[in-house]
Protein backbone atom coordinates (compact mmCIF):
# COMPACT_ATOMS: atom_id res chain seq x y z
CA MET A 1 231.81 -52.85 18.61
CA SER A 2 231.10 -56.03 16.62
CA VAL A 3 232.88 -56.99 13.39
CA ARG A 4 231.21 -58.83 10.53
CA TYR A 5 231.28 -59.29 6.79
CA ALA A 6 228.77 -57.25 4.80
CA THR A 7 225.74 -59.02 3.38
CA PRO A 8 225.26 -59.29 -0.41
CA GLU A 9 222.58 -56.61 -0.18
CA GLU A 10 224.96 -54.29 1.69
CA ILE A 11 227.69 -54.89 -0.89
CA GLU A 12 225.27 -53.91 -3.66
CA SER A 13 224.87 -50.50 -2.01
CA TRP A 14 228.42 -50.40 -0.64
CA ASN A 15 229.26 -46.85 -1.70
CA ASP A 16 226.28 -45.52 0.26
CA HIS A 17 227.67 -47.18 3.39
CA ILE A 18 231.14 -45.73 2.77
CA ASN A 19 229.65 -42.26 2.23
CA ALA A 20 227.79 -42.59 5.53
CA ASN A 21 231.03 -43.03 7.51
CA PRO A 22 231.80 -40.17 9.92
CA ASP A 23 234.47 -38.65 7.67
CA GLY A 24 232.34 -38.93 4.55
CA GLY A 25 234.33 -41.90 3.30
CA ASN A 26 236.96 -42.13 0.62
CA ILE A 27 236.59 -42.87 -3.08
CA LEU A 28 239.29 -45.55 -2.87
CA GLN A 29 237.13 -47.36 -0.31
CA GLY A 30 234.35 -47.53 -2.91
CA ARG A 31 233.22 -50.73 -4.57
CA GLU A 32 234.47 -49.87 -8.07
CA PHE A 33 238.04 -49.42 -6.85
CA ILE A 34 238.01 -52.52 -4.67
CA GLU A 35 236.53 -54.70 -7.41
CA GLN A 36 239.18 -53.44 -9.83
CA LYS A 37 241.82 -54.98 -7.57
CA ALA A 38 240.21 -58.40 -8.04
CA LEU A 39 241.57 -58.30 -11.60
CA ALA A 40 245.08 -58.30 -10.10
CA GLY A 41 244.45 -61.33 -7.93
CA TRP A 42 243.19 -59.64 -4.77
CA THR A 43 240.05 -60.81 -3.00
CA PRO A 44 237.65 -58.02 -1.97
CA ARG A 45 236.46 -58.08 1.64
CA TYR A 46 233.65 -55.83 2.80
CA LEU A 47 233.41 -55.39 6.56
CA PHE A 48 231.51 -53.51 9.21
CA VAL A 49 233.24 -52.64 12.46
CA GLY A 50 230.24 -51.52 14.43
CA ASP A 51 228.46 -49.28 11.94
CA ARG A 52 231.75 -48.30 10.21
CA ALA A 53 232.05 -49.61 6.64
CA ILE A 54 235.59 -50.76 5.81
CA ALA A 55 236.75 -52.17 2.46
CA ILE A 56 239.79 -54.45 2.36
CA ILE A 57 241.60 -56.48 -0.28
CA GLU A 58 243.24 -59.79 0.59
CA LYS A 59 246.02 -62.02 -0.70
CA ARG A 60 247.48 -65.24 0.65
CA ILE A 61 251.24 -65.31 1.21
CA LEU A 62 252.90 -68.73 1.19
CA LEU A 63 253.86 -69.93 4.71
CA LEU A 64 252.72 -66.67 6.35
CA GLY A 65 248.96 -66.52 5.84
CA ARG A 66 246.72 -63.73 4.62
CA VAL A 67 247.68 -60.09 4.18
CA TRP A 68 244.97 -57.44 4.26
CA TYR A 69 245.29 -54.00 2.72
CA CYS A 70 242.82 -51.22 3.48
CA PRO A 71 243.28 -48.50 0.79
CA LYS A 72 242.93 -45.01 2.30
CA GLY A 73 241.26 -46.47 5.35
CA PRO A 74 239.87 -47.34 7.71
CA SER A 75 237.55 -44.37 7.97
CA THR A 76 238.32 -42.64 11.25
CA THR A 77 237.96 -39.33 13.04
CA SER A 78 240.72 -39.42 15.68
CA VAL A 79 243.54 -41.53 17.02
CA ASN A 80 241.32 -42.75 19.85
CA ASP A 81 238.59 -43.71 17.40
CA LEU A 82 241.17 -45.58 15.29
CA LYS A 83 242.44 -47.40 18.37
CA LYS A 84 238.95 -48.74 19.08
CA ILE A 85 238.47 -49.83 15.47
CA LEU A 86 241.83 -51.60 15.30
CA LYS A 87 241.28 -53.43 18.57
CA GLU A 88 238.18 -55.15 17.19
CA LEU A 89 239.46 -55.46 13.63
CA SER A 90 242.66 -57.17 14.84
CA ARG A 91 240.73 -59.84 16.71
CA PHE A 92 238.55 -60.52 13.70
CA ALA A 93 241.53 -60.57 11.32
CA ALA A 94 243.38 -63.07 13.51
CA ALA A 95 240.40 -65.43 13.33
CA GLN A 96 240.54 -65.19 9.51
CA GLY A 97 244.19 -66.28 9.34
CA VAL A 98 245.49 -62.75 8.67
CA PHE A 99 249.02 -61.97 9.87
CA THR A 100 249.16 -58.24 9.01
CA VAL A 101 246.81 -55.42 7.97
CA LYS A 102 248.16 -52.47 6.01
CA ILE A 103 246.21 -49.28 6.71
CA GLU A 104 246.30 -45.66 5.45
CA PRO A 105 244.13 -43.64 7.86
CA GLU A 106 243.36 -40.07 6.88
CA LEU A 107 244.55 -38.42 10.07
CA ASP A 108 246.61 -35.25 9.98
CA HIS A 109 250.36 -35.87 9.71
CA THR A 110 250.95 -34.23 13.11
CA THR A 111 248.86 -36.91 14.85
CA ASP A 112 250.79 -38.91 17.46
CA MET A 113 250.46 -42.57 16.40
CA SER A 114 253.09 -43.90 18.80
CA GLY A 115 250.65 -45.46 21.28
CA LEU A 116 248.96 -47.79 18.79
CA GLY A 117 251.74 -50.35 18.39
CA LEU A 118 251.82 -49.95 14.62
CA LEU A 119 254.76 -50.38 12.25
CA PRO A 120 255.26 -47.39 9.88
CA THR A 121 255.59 -48.41 6.24
CA THR A 122 255.67 -46.83 2.79
CA PRO A 123 252.31 -45.44 1.62
CA ILE A 124 250.74 -47.19 -1.36
CA GLN A 125 248.36 -44.44 -2.45
CA TYR A 126 250.22 -41.35 -3.57
CA ASN A 127 247.67 -38.89 -2.17
CA TYR A 128 248.83 -39.32 1.43
CA SER A 129 250.05 -35.79 0.68
CA THR A 130 247.69 -33.89 -1.57
CA VAL A 131 245.93 -30.68 -2.52
CA TYR A 132 242.17 -30.18 -2.24
CA VAL A 133 239.99 -27.69 -4.02
CA ASP A 134 236.87 -26.56 -2.16
CA LEU A 135 233.96 -26.81 -4.60
CA SER A 136 231.27 -25.43 -2.32
CA PRO A 137 231.55 -21.81 -3.59
CA SER A 138 230.30 -20.72 -7.01
CA LEU A 139 232.47 -21.42 -10.05
CA ASP A 140 233.26 -17.72 -10.33
CA ASP A 141 234.43 -17.66 -6.72
CA ILE A 142 236.46 -20.86 -7.17
CA LEU A 143 238.21 -19.35 -10.19
CA ALA A 144 238.86 -16.13 -8.28
CA SER A 145 240.38 -18.12 -5.40
CA LEU A 146 243.08 -19.64 -7.63
CA ASN A 147 246.43 -17.95 -7.52
CA GLN A 148 247.33 -15.55 -10.31
CA LYS A 149 249.43 -18.11 -12.17
CA GLY A 150 246.57 -20.63 -12.27
CA ARG A 151 244.01 -18.11 -13.52
CA HIS A 152 246.44 -16.79 -16.12
CA ALA A 153 247.18 -20.30 -17.42
CA ILE A 154 243.47 -21.10 -17.84
CA ARG A 155 242.70 -17.83 -19.64
CA ARG A 156 245.81 -18.04 -21.80
CA ALA A 157 244.91 -21.57 -22.95
CA GLU A 158 241.38 -20.46 -23.83
CA ARG A 159 242.71 -17.43 -25.70
CA ASP A 160 245.20 -19.56 -27.64
CA GLY A 161 242.50 -21.95 -28.84
CA VAL A 162 242.85 -24.93 -26.49
CA THR A 163 239.57 -26.82 -26.16
CA VAL A 164 238.52 -29.52 -23.71
CA ARG A 165 236.04 -32.34 -24.29
CA ALA A 166 234.55 -35.04 -22.13
CA VAL A 167 234.92 -38.24 -24.16
CA PRO A 168 233.72 -41.86 -23.77
CA ALA A 169 236.15 -44.52 -22.54
CA ASN A 170 236.05 -46.43 -25.83
CA ASP A 171 238.97 -48.36 -27.30
CA GLU A 172 240.27 -45.41 -29.30
CA ASN A 173 240.19 -42.93 -26.43
CA CYS A 174 241.64 -45.37 -23.91
CA ARG A 175 244.50 -46.08 -26.30
CA ALA A 176 245.09 -42.34 -26.78
CA MET A 177 245.17 -41.83 -23.01
CA TYR A 178 247.59 -44.71 -22.61
CA ASN A 179 249.91 -43.23 -25.24
CA LEU A 180 249.95 -40.00 -23.24
CA PHE A 181 250.81 -42.06 -20.16
CA LEU A 182 253.75 -43.68 -21.92
CA GLY A 183 255.31 -40.33 -22.76
CA THR A 184 254.68 -38.87 -19.32
CA ALA A 185 256.02 -41.95 -17.52
CA GLN A 186 259.19 -42.00 -19.58
CA GLY A 187 259.79 -38.35 -18.82
CA ALA A 188 259.05 -38.60 -15.09
CA GLY A 189 260.59 -42.02 -14.54
CA PHE A 190 257.62 -43.86 -13.02
CA ALA A 191 256.01 -47.18 -13.95
CA ILE A 192 252.51 -47.55 -15.36
CA ARG A 193 250.11 -50.46 -15.58
CA PRO A 194 249.12 -52.37 -18.74
CA PRO A 195 246.57 -50.65 -21.01
CA GLU A 196 243.80 -53.12 -20.18
CA TYR A 197 243.96 -52.07 -16.53
CA TYR A 198 243.13 -48.46 -17.35
CA LYS A 199 240.44 -49.39 -19.84
CA SER A 200 238.72 -51.62 -17.29
CA PHE A 201 239.10 -48.98 -14.57
CA TYR A 202 237.68 -46.14 -16.64
CA ARG A 203 234.76 -48.17 -17.92
CA ALA A 204 233.82 -49.42 -14.45
CA TYR A 205 233.32 -45.84 -13.25
CA GLU A 206 231.86 -44.58 -16.52
CA SER A 207 229.18 -47.30 -16.48
CA LYS A 208 228.01 -46.05 -13.07
CA GLY A 209 228.08 -42.40 -14.11
CA THR A 210 230.83 -41.69 -11.56
CA GLY A 211 233.85 -41.36 -13.84
CA GLN A 212 234.77 -39.28 -16.88
CA LEU A 213 237.67 -39.16 -19.32
CA PHE A 214 238.70 -35.74 -20.65
CA PHE A 215 241.04 -34.61 -23.42
CA ALA A 216 242.53 -31.19 -24.12
CA TYR A 217 243.05 -30.39 -27.81
CA TYR A 218 245.28 -27.87 -29.53
CA GLU A 219 245.24 -27.50 -33.31
CA ASP A 220 243.04 -30.62 -33.48
CA LYS A 221 245.58 -32.75 -31.63
CA ILE A 222 245.29 -34.27 -28.16
CA VAL A 223 247.82 -32.57 -25.90
CA ALA A 224 246.63 -33.66 -22.43
CA GLY A 225 244.24 -36.13 -20.83
CA ALA A 226 242.67 -36.68 -17.45
CA PHE A 227 240.37 -39.17 -15.78
CA ALA A 228 238.27 -38.04 -12.82
CA MET A 229 235.90 -39.91 -10.57
CA LEU A 230 233.46 -39.03 -7.85
CA GLN A 231 231.58 -40.62 -4.99
CA GLY A 232 229.05 -38.84 -2.85
CA GLN A 233 230.27 -35.29 -2.24
CA LYS A 234 233.91 -36.01 -3.08
CA SER A 235 235.77 -36.16 -6.39
CA MET A 236 239.29 -37.13 -7.38
CA TYR A 237 241.66 -36.38 -10.24
CA LYS A 238 242.80 -39.97 -10.64
CA ASP A 239 245.01 -39.94 -13.74
CA GLY A 240 246.60 -37.23 -15.83
CA ALA A 241 249.13 -37.07 -18.65
CA SER A 242 250.26 -34.75 -21.42
CA VAL A 243 252.50 -34.67 -24.45
CA ARG A 244 256.16 -34.14 -23.61
CA GLU A 245 256.83 -31.36 -26.08
CA ARG A 246 255.55 -27.93 -25.05
CA THR A 247 252.64 -27.12 -27.38
CA ALA A 248 250.10 -24.89 -25.68
CA TYR A 249 250.67 -23.02 -22.45
CA GLY A 250 248.02 -23.75 -19.81
CA ALA A 251 246.42 -26.75 -21.54
CA SER A 252 246.61 -28.91 -18.39
CA HIS A 253 245.24 -26.07 -16.26
CA LEU A 254 242.26 -25.62 -18.58
CA LEU A 255 241.75 -29.39 -18.60
CA GLN A 256 241.66 -29.50 -14.81
CA TRP A 257 239.29 -26.53 -14.75
CA HIS A 258 236.83 -28.52 -16.88
CA VAL A 259 237.26 -31.50 -14.53
CA ILE A 260 236.41 -29.21 -11.60
CA GLN A 261 233.30 -27.96 -13.38
CA TRP A 262 232.19 -31.53 -14.13
CA ALA A 263 232.77 -32.60 -10.53
CA LYS A 264 230.82 -29.65 -9.12
CA GLU A 265 227.93 -30.24 -11.54
CA HIS A 266 227.75 -33.83 -10.25
CA GLY A 267 227.54 -32.83 -6.60
CA SER A 268 231.15 -32.81 -5.42
CA LEU A 269 232.01 -30.37 -2.67
CA MET A 270 235.67 -31.36 -2.30
CA HIS A 271 238.03 -32.17 -5.17
CA ASP A 272 241.23 -34.14 -4.54
CA LEU A 273 244.07 -33.31 -6.93
CA ALA A 274 245.63 -36.57 -5.72
CA GLY A 275 249.25 -36.39 -4.86
CA VAL A 276 252.05 -33.89 -4.29
CA PRO A 277 255.37 -34.10 -2.41
CA PRO A 278 255.10 -33.98 1.39
CA ILE A 279 254.92 -30.56 2.99
CA ALA A 280 258.63 -30.49 3.85
CA GLU A 281 259.51 -31.13 0.18
CA ILE A 282 256.78 -29.14 -1.57
CA LYS A 283 259.16 -26.36 -2.69
CA ASN A 284 262.14 -28.60 -3.38
CA PRO A 285 262.95 -28.18 -7.10
CA ASP A 286 264.90 -31.45 -7.06
CA HIS A 287 261.98 -33.56 -5.87
CA PRO A 288 260.86 -35.94 -8.67
CA PHE A 289 257.31 -34.59 -8.39
CA SER A 290 258.23 -30.92 -8.21
CA GLY A 291 256.39 -30.28 -11.50
CA LEU A 292 253.21 -31.77 -10.04
CA ALA A 293 253.66 -29.60 -6.97
CA ARG A 294 253.84 -26.41 -9.04
CA PHE A 295 250.83 -27.40 -11.12
CA LYS A 296 248.55 -28.50 -8.30
CA THR A 297 249.41 -25.74 -5.84
CA SER A 298 248.38 -23.25 -8.52
CA PHE A 299 244.83 -24.37 -7.66
CA ASN A 300 245.39 -24.21 -3.89
CA LYS A 301 248.65 -23.42 -2.10
CA GLU A 302 247.65 -25.37 1.02
CA VAL A 303 248.95 -28.95 1.13
CA THR A 304 247.10 -31.57 3.18
CA GLN A 305 249.34 -34.34 4.50
CA TYR A 306 248.18 -37.45 6.33
CA VAL A 307 250.04 -39.78 8.68
CA GLY A 308 250.87 -42.24 5.90
CA ALA A 309 250.72 -46.03 6.04
CA PHE A 310 251.17 -48.56 8.82
CA GLU A 311 251.24 -52.30 9.32
CA VAL A 312 248.91 -53.57 12.05
CA PRO A 313 250.84 -56.53 13.50
CA ILE A 314 248.25 -59.29 13.90
CA VAL A 315 251.04 -61.87 14.26
CA PRO A 316 253.99 -59.63 15.24
CA TRP A 317 256.90 -61.83 14.15
CA LYS A 318 255.30 -62.51 10.79
CA THR A 319 254.54 -58.82 10.32
CA ARG A 320 258.17 -57.90 11.01
CA LEU A 321 259.38 -60.58 8.60
CA TRP A 322 256.96 -59.33 5.94
CA HIS A 323 257.91 -55.70 6.48
CA ARG A 324 261.68 -56.21 6.46
CA PHE A 325 262.13 -58.86 3.80
CA VAL A 326 259.21 -60.74 2.29
CA GLU A 327 257.12 -57.85 0.98
CA LYS A 328 260.08 -56.41 -0.94
CA ILE A 329 260.75 -59.78 -2.58
CA VAL A 330 257.09 -60.35 -3.41
CA ARG A 331 256.68 -56.90 -4.94
CA ARG A 332 259.89 -57.23 -6.96
CA LEU A 333 258.95 -60.65 -8.34
CA TYR A 334 255.40 -59.52 -9.11
CA PHE A 335 256.62 -56.49 -11.04
CA LYS A 336 259.14 -58.61 -12.96
CA ARG A 337 256.40 -61.04 -13.97
CA HIS A 338 253.46 -58.68 -14.56
CA HIS A 339 255.16 -55.31 -15.19
CA GLU A 340 252.85 -53.50 -12.82
CA SER A 341 252.55 -52.60 -9.16
CA TYR A 342 251.76 -55.39 -6.68
CA TYR A 343 249.16 -53.18 -5.02
């Protein structure tokens, strides 16, 4: 299994290579997402381990060397397959001056990872525990498969006059979406990125025809927004927000139903609702994301949870130092300076 950087021609068609991976790839391994991280100071790296396409972002850490982060990757099918990939990737990374590689393999959370010599760490991408909606049936069958609460919310919103529109990611609409974010973030207690980040993100996908911004309206006012993206036969509900005051019951459900229709029309067979509490906490009313859990499990009660994130110790003592102390300091200082997530 050889390891090499992708050629310029392969990078141009990178998403096709990701989609050809054995697990069908992941949207966050796609070129648009990786290139977006370049705006935050990361360097995109496109690799092949054998015929497996793997996207990585890189930063240099003073006195330690390079850190690699592989969002929602590498693509793998089993723990033994991952072991083979990491054996070759580690050798290659060491030759590039890398001291640690952060990975987020999509293996079931019950998978025994103890024999790989990895260091468990906090996941970066929130959909390490998530809910999927199977889009292979007809729309009528998909709607019928939702639980009673979900169907009722969609029909109630339609009956009460909520409408949903797909809108362009222009300045006005991006600002409106960001204003929704501000209210939602303040209510839920999480940080958001600067408005330019979202505008750039949405436009990158929109320009390729693989992303769409949606708004739900009630009495001619925007009450909820969502951005969805797709790649190959997979789609993802990337961002969502709504007004804090209760205005129209079911508006967010109807909004998501339109996202699902859009995704299916564009060839998606599996829709990722992108992030719920882990299985053990899914019914915990005190969990900070309990509201998201109730909303997303109304589309599918089954939660899919992956193994999470790990550090691959290329230089073990440096990896331990990074994991225990340095990363926390770097992330804290970065947030203080830039007011957004390091990753």
